[in-house]
Amino acid sequence: MAAIDASGDEVVLRLEDNERSLMVTVFTDLAALLAEDDDNDGRPDSENWEARLGLVERPRPQDPALLRLFPDVDPLDEERSQEFRRLTEFDLQQAKAHNVRIVLNGLAKGPSIALSHDEVLAWMKGLNDLRLVLAVRMGIDTEESQEAKYAHRDELEESEELTLTLYDFLTWIQDRLTTTLLSDLPGDDDT
């Protein structure tokens, strides 16, 4: 079973081989999903600079999971959302992909993964993005739909039950990483 401990300036995440293997699989899938969004459509690399500068239109994602990761800035103003997407989405996609690479590099270290403060932050962001994708795939888009999913958990198909279990596991890891970082903050009695 996974465990998370603080050790000096590092946070140590210990995973069983099956937990680590599962996380490698789902984070590799997330990396592929993010790469789909960054598809150059055969454009030369010189146009990537144009994308970085916001000179290239970025279409609104058709995949609901990608739309959750790259939402409209103003659902009521399509033009404003398109302009914001053009100016920010490339960098946001690159940052999300970078966080996923940090997670995958950490998972490659073996069952005991020592993480620096910055790596923990990247893991927290990567876990959040993966949880958002899973939530969309399971039809969880509000607190009420999440509660309904859990209330009828015994009625779920096996694949959906496994996805929900994975969602819970990732939530637990994200919560423990967050709690570990917060415990290092000075409190009221630490003057």
C-alpha atoms as a PDB file:
ATOM      1  CA  MET A   1       0.000   0.000   0.000  1.00  0.00           C
ATOM      2  CA  ALA A   2       1.236   3.492  -0.821  1.00  0.00           C
ATOM      3  CA  ALA A   3       2.850   5.583   1.909  1.00  0.00           C
ATOM      4  CA  ILE A   4       4.088   9.159   2.035  1.00  0.00           C
ATOM      5  CA  ASP A   5       6.613  10.481   4.541  1.00  0.00           C
ATOM      6  CA  ALA A   6       8.534  13.716   4.961  1.00  0.00           C
ATOM      7  CA  SER A   7      12.274  13.197   5.208  1.00  0.00           C
ATOM      8  CA  GLY A   8      14.269  16.386   5.661  1.00  0.00           C
ATOM      9  CA  ASP A   9      13.782  18.584   2.614  1.00  0.00           C
ATOM     10  CA  GLU A  10      12.222  15.738   0.640  1.00  0.00           C
ATOM     11  CA  VAL A  11       8.925  13.934   0.542  1.00  0.00           C
ATOM     12  CA  VAL A  12       9.237  10.207   0.031  1.00  0.00           C
ATOM     13  CA  LEU A  13       6.451   8.383  -1.767  1.00  0.00           C
ATOM     14  CA  ARG A  14       6.519   4.605  -1.504  1.00  0.00           C
ATOM     15  CA  LEU A  15       4.443   2.620  -3.980  1.00  0.00           C
ATOM     16  CA  GLU A  16       3.849  -1.054  -4.499  1.00  0.00           C
ATOM     17  CA  ASP A  17       4.905  -2.332  -7.939  1.00  0.00           C
ATOM     18  CA  ASN A  18       1.279  -2.699  -9.090  1.00  0.00           C
ATOM     19  CA  GLU A  19       0.439   0.848  -7.919  1.00  0.00           C
ATOM     20  CA  ARG A  20       3.477   2.262  -9.688  1.00  0.00           C
ATOM     21  CA  SER A  21       2.723   0.295 -12.862  1.00  0.00           C
ATOM     22  CA  LEU A  22      -0.857   1.567 -12.899  1.00  0.00           C
ATOM     23  CA  MET A  23       0.300   5.147 -12.379  1.00  0.00           C
ATOM     24  CA  VAL A  24       2.842   4.833 -15.210  1.00  0.00           C
ATOM     25  CA  THR A  25       0.034   3.623 -17.484  1.00  0.00           C
ATOM     26  CA  VAL A  26      -2.455   6.372 -16.665  1.00  0.00           C
ATOM     27  CA  PHE A  27       0.136   9.170 -16.701  1.00  0.00           C
ATOM     28  CA  THR A  28       1.443   7.904 -20.041  1.00  0.00           C
ATOM     29  CA  ASP A  29      -2.153   8.081 -21.302  1.00  0.00           C
ATOM     30  CA  LEU A  30      -2.417  11.640 -19.975  1.00  0.00           C
ATOM     31  CA  ALA A  31       0.840  12.558 -21.740  1.00  0.00           C
ATOM     32  CA  ALA A  32      -0.596  11.165 -24.993  1.00  0.00           C
ATOM     33  CA  LEU A  33      -3.831  13.135 -24.492  1.00  0.00           C
ATOM     34  CA  LEU A  34      -1.864  16.335 -23.947  1.00  0.00           C
ATOM     35  CA  ALA A  35       0.281  15.562 -27.009  1.00  0.00           C
ATOM     36  CA  GLU A  36      -2.922  15.226 -29.073  1.00  0.00           C
ATOM     37  CA  ASP A  37      -3.795  18.750 -28.059  1.00  0.00           C
ATOM     38  CA  ASP A  38      -0.357  19.929 -29.158  1.00  0.00           C
ATOM     39  CA  ASP A  39      -0.543  18.238 -32.553  1.00  0.00           C
ATOM     40  CA  ASN A  40       1.200  20.490 -35.064  1.00  0.00           C
ATOM     41  CA  ASP A  41      -1.030  19.288 -37.912  1.00  0.00           C
ATOM     42  CA  GLY A  42       2.098  18.894 -40.010  1.00  0.00           C
ATOM     43  CA  ARG A  43       3.166  22.499 -39.497  1.00  0.00           C
ATOM     44  CA  PRO A  44       6.893  23.166 -39.557  1.00  0.00           C
ATOM     45  CA  ASP A  45       8.702  23.827 -36.267  1.00  0.00           C
ATOM     46  CA  SER A  46       8.962  27.521 -37.152  1.00  0.00           C
ATOM     47  CA  GLU A  47       5.220  27.799 -36.620  1.00  0.00           C
ATOM     48  CA  ASN A  48       5.634  26.458 -33.077  1.00  0.00           C
ATOM     49  CA  TRP A  49       7.257  29.807 -32.283  1.00  0.00           C
ATOM     50  CA  GLU A  50       4.200  31.482 -33.718  1.00  0.00           C
ATOM     51  CA  ALA A  51       2.024  29.351 -31.417  1.00  0.00           C
ATOM     52  CA  ARG A  52       4.184  30.320 -28.435  1.00  0.00           C
ATOM     53  CA  LEU A  53       3.709  33.966 -29.280  1.00  0.00           C
ATOM     54  CA  GLY A  54      -0.043  33.558 -29.679  1.00  0.00           C
ATOM     55  CA  LEU A  55       0.035  34.214 -33.407  1.00  0.00           C
ATOM     56  CA  VAL A  56      -1.644  30.914 -34.340  1.00  0.00           C
ATOM     57  CA  GLU A  57      -5.298  30.151 -33.662  1.00  0.00           C
ATOM     58  CA  ARG A  58      -5.847  27.244 -31.283  1.00  0.00           C
ATOM     59  CA  PRO A  59      -9.138  25.492 -31.898  1.00  0.00           C
ATOM     60  CA  ARG A  60     -11.469  24.787 -28.997  1.00  0.00           C
ATOM     61  CA  PRO A  61     -10.889  21.174 -27.873  1.00  0.00           C
ATOM     62  CA  GLN A  62     -13.565  18.744 -29.031  1.00  0.00           C
ATOM     63  CA  ASP A  63     -12.653  16.123 -26.425  1.00  0.00           C
ATOM     64  CA  PRO A  64     -14.569  16.985 -23.214  1.00  0.00           C
ATOM     65  CA  ALA A  65     -11.572  15.937 -21.097  1.00  0.00           C
ATOM     66  CA  LEU A  66      -9.272  18.339 -22.951  1.00  0.00           C
ATOM     67  CA  LEU A  67     -11.912  21.043 -22.690  1.00  0.00           C
ATOM     68  CA  ARG A  68     -11.902  20.490 -18.919  1.00  0.00           C
ATOM     69  CA  LEU A  69      -8.111  20.927 -18.869  1.00  0.00           C
ATOM     70  CA  PHE A  70      -8.281  23.941 -21.204  1.00  0.00           C
ATOM     71  CA  PRO A  71     -11.670  25.520 -20.458  1.00  0.00           C
ATOM     72  CA  ASP A  72     -13.222  28.548 -22.070  1.00  0.00           C
ATOM     73  CA  VAL A  73     -12.297  31.688 -20.167  1.00  0.00           C
ATOM     74  CA  ASP A  74     -15.809  33.042 -20.718  1.00  0.00           C
ATOM     75  CA  PRO A  75     -18.454  30.488 -21.750  1.00  0.00           C
ATOM     76  CA  LEU A  76     -20.772  33.341 -22.738  1.00  0.00           C
ATOM     77  CA  ASP A  77     -18.268  35.082 -25.024  1.00  0.00           C
ATOM     78  CA  GLU A  78     -16.869  32.799 -27.725  1.00  0.00           C
ATOM     79  CA  GLU A  79     -14.653  35.503 -29.241  1.00  0.00           C
ATOM     80  CA  ARG A  80     -13.080  36.400 -25.899  1.00  0.00           C
ATOM     81  CA  SER A  81     -12.507  32.721 -25.120  1.00  0.00           C
ATOM     82  CA  GLN A  82     -10.880  32.146 -28.492  1.00  0.00           C
ATOM     83  CA  GLU A  83      -8.558  35.121 -28.011  1.00  0.00           C
ATOM     84  CA  PHE A  84      -7.578  33.951 -24.520  1.00  0.00           C
ATOM     85  CA  ARG A  85      -7.001  30.406 -25.834  1.00  0.00           C
ATOM     86  CA  ARG A  86      -4.790  31.739 -28.633  1.00  0.00           C
ATOM     87  CA  LEU A  87      -2.652  33.701 -26.170  1.00  0.00           C
ATOM     88  CA  THR A  88      -2.359  31.192 -23.320  1.00  0.00           C
ATOM     89  CA  GLU A  89      -3.136  27.609 -24.275  1.00  0.00           C
ATOM     90  CA  PHE A  90       0.234  26.699 -25.782  1.00  0.00           C
ATOM     91  CA  ASP A  91       2.106  27.643 -22.601  1.00  0.00           C
ATOM     92  CA  LEU A  92      -0.528  26.000 -20.400  1.00  0.00           C
ATOM     93  CA  GLN A  93      -0.307  22.787 -22.419  1.00  0.00           C
ATOM     94  CA  GLN A  94       3.489  22.832 -22.168  1.00  0.00           C
ATOM     95  CA  ALA A  95       3.336  23.332 -18.384  1.00  0.00           C
ATOM     96  CA  LYS A  96       0.865  20.463 -17.974  1.00  0.00           C
ATOM     97  CA  ALA A  97       3.019  18.176 -20.131  1.00  0.00           C
ATOM     98  CA  HIS A  98       6.094  19.176 -18.089  1.00  0.00           C
ATOM     99  CA  ASN A  99       4.332  18.202 -14.846  1.00  0.00           C
ATOM    100  CA  VAL A 100       3.411  14.819 -16.337  1.00  0.00           C
ATOM    101  CA  ARG A 101       7.049  14.252 -17.359  1.00  0.00           C
ATOM    102  CA  ILE A 102       8.152  14.989 -13.782  1.00  0.00           C
ATOM    103  CA  VAL A 103       5.654  12.424 -12.477  1.00  0.00           C
ATOM    104  CA  LEU A 104       6.766   9.808 -15.016  1.00  0.00           C
ATOM    105  CA  ASN A 105      10.441  10.472 -14.203  1.00  0.00           C
ATOM    106  CA  GLY A 106       9.658  10.044 -10.519  1.00  0.00           C
ATOM    107  CA  LEU A 107       7.799   6.791 -11.135  1.00  0.00           C
ATOM    108  CA  ALA A 108      10.833   5.501 -13.052  1.00  0.00           C
ATOM    109  CA  LYS A 109      12.956   5.833  -9.889  1.00  0.00           C
ATOM    110  CA  GLY A 110      11.470   2.675  -8.409  1.00  0.00           C
ATOM    111  CA  PRO A 111       9.170   1.940  -5.485  1.00  0.00           C
ATOM    112  CA  SER A 112      10.664   4.610  -3.193  1.00  0.00           C
ATOM    113  CA  ILE A 113      10.430   8.041  -4.817  1.00  0.00           C
ATOM    114  CA  ALA A 114      12.176  10.986  -3.146  1.00  0.00           C
ATOM    115  CA  LEU A 115      10.641  14.280  -4.268  1.00  0.00           C
ATOM    116  CA  SER A 116      11.878  17.831  -3.798  1.00  0.00           C
ATOM    117  CA  HIS A 117       9.432  20.606  -2.933  1.00  0.00           C
ATOM    118  CA  ASP A 118       9.148  21.623  -6.609  1.00  0.00           C
ATOM    119  CA  GLU A 119       8.636  18.008  -7.683  1.00  0.00           C
ATOM    120  CA  VAL A 120       5.850  17.600  -5.115  1.00  0.00           C
ATOM    121  CA  LEU A 121       4.134  20.676  -6.582  1.00  0.00           C
ATOM    122  CA  ALA A 122       4.444  19.208 -10.092  1.00  0.00           C
ATOM    123  CA  TRP A 123       3.029  15.891  -8.851  1.00  0.00           C
ATOM    124  CA  MET A 124       0.092  17.684  -7.218  1.00  0.00           C
ATOM    125  CA  LYS A 125      -0.683  19.517 -10.473  1.00  0.00           C
ATOM    126  CA  GLY A 126      -0.281  16.370 -12.571  1.00  0.00           C
ATOM    127  CA  LEU A 127      -2.513  14.390 -10.216  1.00  0.00           C
ATOM    128  CA  ASN A 128      -5.111  17.139 -10.368  1.00  0.00           C
ATOM    129  CA  ASP A 129      -5.112  17.113 -14.177  1.00  0.00           C
ATOM    130  CA  LEU A 130      -5.407  13.335 -14.273  1.00  0.00           C
ATOM    131  CA  ARG A 131      -8.268  13.407 -11.768  1.00  0.00           C
ATOM    132  CA  LEU A 132     -10.060  16.015 -13.907  1.00  0.00           C
ATOM    133  CA  VAL A 133      -9.747  13.771 -16.968  1.00  0.00           C
ATOM    134  CA  LEU A 134     -11.030  10.745 -15.060  1.00  0.00           C
ATOM    135  CA  ALA A 135     -13.932  12.750 -13.641  1.00  0.00           C
ATOM    136  CA  VAL A 136     -14.982  13.832 -17.132  1.00  0.00           C
ATOM    137  CA  ARG A 137     -14.715  10.260 -18.419  1.00  0.00           C
ATOM    138  CA  MET A 138     -16.939   9.080 -15.534  1.00  0.00           C
ATOM    139  CA  GLY A 139     -19.477  11.877 -16.005  1.00  0.00           C
ATOM    140  CA  ILE A 140     -18.603  13.634 -12.753  1.00  0.00           C
ATOM    141  CA  ASP A 141     -18.963  17.350 -13.343  1.00  0.00           C
ATOM    142  CA  THR A 142     -20.619  18.570 -10.150  1.00  0.00           C
ATOM    143  CA  GLU A 143     -20.493  17.675  -6.487  1.00  0.00           C
ATOM    144  CA  GLU A 144     -23.972  16.198  -6.855  1.00  0.00           C
ATOM    145  CA  SER A 145     -22.948  13.920  -9.723  1.00  0.00           C
ATOM    146  CA  GLN A 146     -19.949  12.767  -7.670  1.00  0.00           C
ATOM    147  CA  GLU A 147     -22.170  12.006  -4.685  1.00  0.00           C
ATOM    148  CA  ALA A 148     -24.583  10.109  -6.944  1.00  0.00           C
ATOM    149  CA  LYS A 149     -21.714   8.060  -8.386  1.00  0.00           C
ATOM    150  CA  TYR A 150     -20.592   7.040  -4.894  1.00  0.00           C
ATOM    151  CA  ALA A 151     -24.166   6.414  -3.709  1.00  0.00           C
ATOM    152  CA  HIS A 152     -24.691   3.915  -6.556  1.00  0.00           C
ATOM    153  CA  ARG A 153     -21.170   2.501  -6.582  1.00  0.00           C
ATOM    154  CA  ASP A 154     -22.434  -1.067  -6.220  1.00  0.00           C
ATOM    155  CA  GLU A 155     -24.431  -0.666  -9.448  1.00  0.00           C
ATOM    156  CA  LEU A 156     -21.465   0.423 -11.585  1.00  0.00           C
ATOM    157  CA  GLU A 157     -19.999  -1.705 -14.343  1.00  0.00           C
ATOM    158  CA  GLU A 158     -16.660  -3.252 -13.376  1.00  0.00           C
ATOM    159  CA  SER A 159     -14.597  -0.905 -15.567  1.00  0.00           C
ATOM    160  CA  GLU A 160     -16.298   2.158 -14.104  1.00  0.00           C
ATOM    161  CA  GLU A 161     -15.843   0.809 -10.568  1.00  0.00           C
ATOM    162  CA  LEU A 162     -12.128   0.332 -11.268  1.00  0.00           C
ATOM    163  CA  THR A 163     -11.887   3.871 -12.653  1.00  0.00           C
ATOM    164  CA  LEU A 164     -13.587   5.219  -9.546  1.00  0.00           C
ATOM    165  CA  THR A 165     -11.165   3.248  -7.356  1.00  0.00           C
ATOM    166  CA  LEU A 166      -8.251   4.715  -9.335  1.00  0.00           C
ATOM    167  CA  TYR A 167      -9.777   8.183  -8.881  1.00  0.00           C
ATOM    168  CA  ASP A 168      -9.941   7.568  -5.102  1.00  0.00           C
ATOM    169  CA  PHE A 169      -6.327   6.355  -5.028  1.00  0.00           C
ATOM    170  CA  LEU A 170      -5.064   9.412  -6.934  1.00  0.00           C
ATOM    171  CA  THR A 171      -7.143  11.670  -4.672  1.00  0.00           C
ATOM    172  CA  TRP A 172      -5.551  10.062  -1.614  1.00  0.00           C
ATOM    173  CA  ILE A 173      -2.021  10.587  -2.964  1.00  0.00           C
ATOM    174  CA  GLN A 174      -2.784  14.202  -3.866  1.00  0.00           C
ATOM    175  CA  ASP A 175      -4.291  14.814  -0.424  1.00  0.00           C
ATOM    176  CA  ARG A 176      -1.318  13.261   1.379  1.00  0.00           C
ATOM    177  CA  LEU A 177       1.181  15.277  -0.688  1.00  0.00           C
ATOM    178  CA  THR A 178      -0.767  18.460   0.039  1.00  0.00           C
ATOM    179  CA  THR A 179      -1.022  17.679   3.759  1.00  0.00           C
ATOM    180  CA  THR A 180       2.696  16.908   3.921  1.00  0.00           C
ATOM    181  CA  LEU A 181       3.593  20.240   2.304  1.00  0.00           C
ATOM    182  CA  LEU A 182       1.172  22.158   4.513  1.00  0.00           C
ATOM    183  CA  SER A 183       2.594  20.549   7.653  1.00  0.00           C
ATOM    184  CA  ASP A 184       5.942  22.162   6.852  1.00  0.00           C
ATOM    185  CA  LEU A 185       4.450  25.662   6.904  1.00  0.00           C
ATOM    186  CA  PRO A 186       5.092  27.666  10.051  1.00  0.00           C
ATOM    187  CA  GLY A 187       2.061  27.690  12.368  1.00  0.00           C
ATOM    188  CA  ASP A 188       0.836  30.238  14.858  1.00  0.00           C
ATOM    189  CA  ASP A 189       3.029  28.785  17.585  1.00  0.00           C
ATOM    190  CA  ASP A 190       6.170  28.682  15.390  1.00  0.00           C
ATOM    191  CA  THR A 191       7.394  32.228  15.997  1.00  0.00           C
END
